[in-house]
Amino acid sequence: MTSSFTNAELDLGKQTVLKEWIDYNGHMNVAYYVMAFDHGVDQFMQQMGITPQYLEREKSSTFTLEMHINYLRELRLGDPIRLTCQLLNVDSKRVH
């Protein structure tokens, strides 16, 4: 069974730019955008009931196959980060 969620923007939580994420330009280093989003995905999975306990019980795992990031502006130390995703499709094996 497949479901579509074409207009569902999901909040992955909020974070704050940390000192160790800052590069020599005074901006958040691009590598930490991926890490921040990964933390957000972890939160999303928890909300969906896909917890470490669930994965262990089901003898299953999750992984990120593809990610798209839009760098809309520079982030600096202490700036808030709002993470969202759009759920496009779900089936018995995948979340897009």
N, C-alpha and C. Protein backbone atom coordinates (compact mmCIF):
# COMPACT_ATOMS: atom_id res chain seq x y z
N MET A 1 0.84 -1.18 0.00
CA MET A 1 0.00 0.00 0.00
C MET A 1 0.88 1.24 0.00
N THR A 2 0.57 2.18 -0.84
CA THR A 2 1.33 3.42 -0.96
C THR A 2 0.42 4.59 -0.62
N SER A 3 0.97 5.56 0.09
CA SER A 3 0.23 6.77 0.43
C SER A 3 0.99 7.97 -0.08
N SER A 4 0.28 9.04 -0.46
CA SER A 4 0.91 10.27 -0.91
C SER A 4 0.63 11.39 0.08
N PHE A 5 1.61 12.25 0.29
CA PHE A 5 1.53 13.37 1.22
C PHE A 5 2.13 14.59 0.56
N THR A 6 1.64 15.00 -0.59
CA THR A 6 2.32 15.98 -1.43
C THR A 6 2.46 17.36 -0.81
N ASN A 7 1.58 17.76 0.09
CA ASN A 7 1.66 19.12 0.63
C ASN A 7 1.95 19.16 2.12
N ALA A 8 2.38 18.07 2.70
CA ALA A 8 2.57 18.00 4.14
C ALA A 8 3.98 18.47 4.52
N GLU A 9 4.09 19.71 5.01
CA GLU A 9 5.37 20.17 5.55
C GLU A 9 5.45 19.74 7.00
N LEU A 10 6.50 19.03 7.35
CA LEU A 10 6.66 18.51 8.69
C LEU A 10 7.79 19.22 9.42
N ASP A 11 7.53 19.60 10.64
CA ASP A 11 8.52 20.27 11.47
C ASP A 11 9.45 19.23 12.07
N LEU A 12 10.74 19.36 11.82
CA LEU A 12 11.73 18.45 12.38
C LEU A 12 12.38 19.02 13.63
N GLY A 13 11.85 20.12 14.12
CA GLY A 13 12.37 20.70 15.35
C GLY A 13 13.25 21.91 15.10
N LYS A 14 13.72 22.45 16.20
CA LYS A 14 14.57 23.63 16.15
C LYS A 14 15.89 23.32 16.84
N GLN A 15 16.93 23.94 16.33
CA GLN A 15 18.26 23.82 16.92
C GLN A 15 18.89 25.20 16.92
N THR A 16 20.04 25.32 17.53
CA THR A 16 20.78 26.57 17.55
C THR A 16 22.20 26.29 17.07
N VAL A 17 22.75 27.18 16.26
CA VAL A 17 24.11 27.02 15.74
C VAL A 17 25.10 27.06 16.91
N LEU A 18 25.89 26.02 17.03
CA LEU A 18 26.87 25.91 18.11
C LEU A 18 28.24 26.42 17.67
N LYS A 19 29.07 26.77 18.64
CA LYS A 19 30.40 27.32 18.37
C LYS A 19 31.24 26.37 17.51
N GLU A 20 31.18 25.08 17.82
CA GLU A 20 32.01 24.11 17.08
C GLU A 20 31.55 23.90 15.64
N TRP A 21 30.41 24.46 15.26
CA TRP A 21 29.91 24.36 13.90
C TRP A 21 30.37 25.51 13.02
N ILE A 22 31.07 26.48 13.56
CA ILE A 22 31.44 27.70 12.84
C ILE A 22 32.76 27.50 12.09
N ASP A 23 32.81 27.96 10.83
CA ASP A 23 34.03 27.86 10.02
C ASP A 23 34.84 29.14 10.10
N TYR A 24 35.90 29.22 9.32
CA TYR A 24 36.81 30.36 9.35
C TYR A 24 36.18 31.65 8.82
N ASN A 25 35.03 31.55 8.16
CA ASN A 25 34.32 32.75 7.69
C ASN A 25 33.32 33.27 8.71
N GLY A 26 33.20 32.57 9.83
CA GLY A 26 32.22 32.97 10.83
C GLY A 26 30.83 32.44 10.54
N HIS A 27 30.73 31.52 9.57
CA HIS A 27 29.45 30.93 9.18
C HIS A 27 29.39 29.48 9.65
N MET A 28 28.19 28.95 9.68
CA MET A 28 28.03 27.52 9.96
C MET A 28 28.62 26.73 8.80
N ASN A 29 29.54 25.82 9.09
CA ASN A 29 30.18 24.99 8.08
C ASN A 29 29.15 24.07 7.43
N VAL A 30 29.26 23.87 6.12
CA VAL A 30 28.26 23.09 5.38
C VAL A 30 28.09 21.67 5.93
N ALA A 31 29.13 21.07 6.46
CA ALA A 31 29.02 19.71 6.99
C ALA A 31 28.03 19.64 8.14
N TYR A 32 27.91 20.72 8.90
CA TYR A 32 27.02 20.71 10.06
C TYR A 32 25.56 20.89 9.67
N TYR A 33 25.27 21.38 8.48
CA TYR A 33 23.90 21.41 8.00
C TYR A 33 23.38 19.98 7.90
N VAL A 34 24.19 19.10 7.36
CA VAL A 34 23.81 17.69 7.23
C VAL A 34 23.60 17.08 8.61
N MET A 35 24.51 17.37 9.55
CA MET A 35 24.38 16.83 10.90
C MET A 35 23.11 17.34 11.58
N ALA A 36 22.84 18.64 11.44
CA ALA A 36 21.63 19.22 12.05
C ALA A 36 20.38 18.55 11.46
N PHE A 37 20.37 18.36 10.15
CA PHE A 37 19.22 17.71 9.52
C PHE A 37 19.10 16.26 9.97
N ASP A 38 20.23 15.58 10.12
CA ASP A 38 20.21 14.19 10.59
C ASP A 38 19.59 14.11 11.98
N HIS A 39 19.92 15.05 12.85
CA HIS A 39 19.30 15.09 14.18
C HIS A 39 17.79 15.30 14.05
N GLY A 40 17.39 16.15 13.11
CA GLY A 40 15.97 16.38 12.86
C GLY A 40 15.26 15.13 12.36
N VAL A 41 15.91 14.39 11.49
CA VAL A 41 15.33 13.14 10.98
C VAL A 41 15.17 12.14 12.13
N ASP A 42 16.15 12.09 13.03
CA ASP A 42 16.02 11.22 14.20
C ASP A 42 14.77 11.57 15.00
N GLN A 43 14.53 12.87 15.18
CA GLN A 43 13.35 13.32 15.91
C GLN A 43 12.07 12.93 15.16
N PHE A 44 12.07 13.09 13.84
CA PHE A 44 10.93 12.70 13.02
C PHE A 44 10.64 11.20 13.16
N MET A 45 11.69 10.39 13.11
CA MET A 45 11.51 8.94 13.23
C MET A 45 10.89 8.59 14.58
N GLN A 46 11.34 9.27 15.64
CA GLN A 46 10.76 9.04 16.96
C GLN A 46 9.26 9.36 16.94
N GLN A 47 8.90 10.49 16.30
CA GLN A 47 7.49 10.89 16.22
C GLN A 47 6.67 9.86 15.45
N MET A 48 7.29 9.20 14.49
CA MET A 48 6.61 8.18 13.68
C MET A 48 6.58 6.82 14.38
N GLY A 49 7.21 6.72 15.56
CA GLY A 49 7.25 5.46 16.29
C GLY A 49 8.38 4.56 15.88
N ILE A 50 9.28 5.07 15.04
CA ILE A 50 10.44 4.28 14.59
C ILE A 50 11.59 4.58 15.56
N THR A 51 11.51 3.96 16.72
CA THR A 51 12.48 4.16 17.80
C THR A 51 13.56 3.09 17.74
N PRO A 52 14.65 3.28 18.46
CA PRO A 52 15.66 2.21 18.52
C PRO A 52 15.05 0.88 19.01
N GLN A 53 14.12 0.95 19.94
CA GLN A 53 13.47 -0.26 20.44
C GLN A 53 12.64 -0.94 19.34
N TYR A 54 11.94 -0.13 18.55
CA TYR A 54 11.15 -0.67 17.44
C TYR A 54 12.07 -1.36 16.43
N LEU A 55 13.16 -0.70 16.07
CA LEU A 55 14.08 -1.27 15.09
C LEU A 55 14.69 -2.58 15.59
N GLU A 56 15.03 -2.62 16.88
CA GLU A 56 15.59 -3.85 17.44
C GLU A 56 14.54 -4.97 17.44
N ARG A 57 13.34 -4.65 17.87
CA ARG A 57 12.26 -5.63 17.92
C ARG A 57 11.94 -6.19 16.53
N GLU A 58 11.95 -5.31 15.52
CA GLU A 58 11.61 -5.71 14.15
C GLU A 58 12.82 -6.23 13.37
N LYS A 59 13.99 -6.21 14.02
CA LYS A 59 15.24 -6.61 13.36
C LYS A 59 15.39 -5.85 12.04
N SER A 60 15.27 -4.54 12.16
CA SER A 60 15.26 -3.65 10.99
C SER A 60 16.25 -2.51 11.20
N SER A 61 16.33 -1.65 10.22
CA SER A 61 17.23 -0.50 10.29
C SER A 61 16.69 0.59 9.37
N THR A 62 17.24 1.78 9.52
CA THR A 62 16.93 2.88 8.61
C THR A 62 18.23 3.48 8.11
N PHE A 63 18.17 4.13 6.97
CA PHE A 63 19.32 4.86 6.45
C PHE A 63 18.81 5.93 5.50
N THR A 64 19.63 6.94 5.30
CA THR A 64 19.29 8.02 4.38
C THR A 64 19.89 7.70 3.03
N LEU A 65 19.05 7.58 2.03
CA LEU A 65 19.49 7.27 0.68
C LEU A 65 19.77 8.53 -0.12
N GLU A 66 19.00 9.59 0.16
CA GLU A 66 19.13 10.82 -0.62
C GLU A 66 18.73 12.00 0.26
N MET A 67 19.40 13.14 0.05
CA MET A 67 19.10 14.34 0.82
C MET A 67 19.29 15.56 -0.08
N HIS A 68 18.39 16.52 0.04
CA HIS A 68 18.49 17.77 -0.71
C HIS A 68 18.48 18.92 0.30
N ILE A 69 19.47 19.78 0.21
CA ILE A 69 19.57 20.92 1.13
C ILE A 69 19.60 22.20 0.32
N ASN A 70 18.81 23.16 0.73
CA ASN A 70 18.86 24.50 0.14
C ASN A 70 19.53 25.43 1.14
N TYR A 71 20.66 26.01 0.74
CA TYR A 71 21.37 26.97 1.57
C TYR A 71 20.82 28.35 1.23
N LEU A 72 19.85 28.82 1.99
CA LEU A 72 19.16 30.07 1.66
C LEU A 72 19.90 31.30 2.15
N ARG A 73 20.66 31.15 3.23
CA ARG A 73 21.48 32.25 3.73
C ARG A 73 22.49 31.68 4.72
N GLU A 74 23.50 32.48 5.04
CA GLU A 74 24.50 32.03 6.00
C GLU A 74 23.90 32.00 7.40
N LEU A 75 24.34 31.04 8.18
CA LEU A 75 23.97 30.99 9.59
C LEU A 75 25.20 31.28 10.42
N ARG A 76 25.02 31.98 11.51
CA ARG A 76 26.12 32.36 12.40
C ARG A 76 25.87 31.81 13.80
N LEU A 77 26.89 31.90 14.62
CA LEU A 77 26.84 31.42 15.99
C LEU A 77 25.58 31.92 16.71
N GLY A 78 24.86 30.99 17.30
CA GLY A 78 23.67 31.33 18.07
C GLY A 78 22.40 31.48 17.26
N ASP A 79 22.52 31.50 15.92
CA ASP A 79 21.31 31.63 15.09
C ASP A 79 20.40 30.41 15.30
N PRO A 80 19.09 30.65 15.28
CA PRO A 80 18.17 29.51 15.35
C PRO A 80 18.09 28.82 13.99
N ILE A 81 17.88 27.52 14.02
CA ILE A 81 17.71 26.73 12.80
C ILE A 81 16.33 26.08 12.89
N ARG A 82 15.54 26.25 11.85
CA ARG A 82 14.24 25.58 11.76
C ARG A 82 14.35 24.53 10.66
N LEU A 83 14.10 23.30 11.01
CA LEU A 83 14.23 22.19 10.07
C LEU A 83 12.85 21.66 9.70
N THR A 84 12.61 21.52 8.40
CA THR A 84 11.35 20.96 7.93
C THR A 84 11.63 19.93 6.84
N CYS A 85 10.66 19.09 6.60
CA CYS A 85 10.74 18.18 5.46
C CYS A 85 9.34 18.05 4.88
N GLN A 86 9.28 17.52 3.70
CA GLN A 86 8.00 17.26 3.05
C GLN A 86 7.90 15.77 2.79
N LEU A 87 6.89 15.16 3.35
CA LEU A 87 6.67 13.74 3.18
C LEU A 87 5.93 13.52 1.86
N LEU A 88 6.60 12.89 0.91
CA LEU A 88 6.03 12.73 -0.43
C LEU A 88 5.32 11.40 -0.63
N ASN A 89 5.87 10.34 -0.02
CA ASN A 89 5.33 9.02 -0.28
C ASN A 89 5.79 8.07 0.81
N VAL A 90 4.97 7.10 1.11
CA VAL A 90 5.30 6.07 2.10
C VAL A 90 4.79 4.74 1.57
N ASP A 91 5.60 3.70 1.72
CA ASP A 91 5.11 2.35 1.49
C ASP A 91 5.64 1.46 2.60
N SER A 92 5.50 0.17 2.46
CA SER A 92 5.90 -0.74 3.54
C SER A 92 7.40 -0.76 3.80
N LYS A 93 8.17 -0.21 2.88
CA LYS A 93 9.63 -0.27 2.99
C LYS A 93 10.31 1.09 2.98
N ARG A 94 9.65 2.12 2.46
CA ARG A 94 10.33 3.39 2.22
C ARG A 94 9.50 4.58 2.70
N VAL A 95 10.23 5.64 3.06
CA VAL A 95 9.64 6.95 3.35
C VAL A 95 10.36 7.93 2.45
N HIS A 96 9.62 8.66 1.62
CA HIS A 96 10.22 9.64 0.71
C HIS A 96 9.81 11.03 1.13
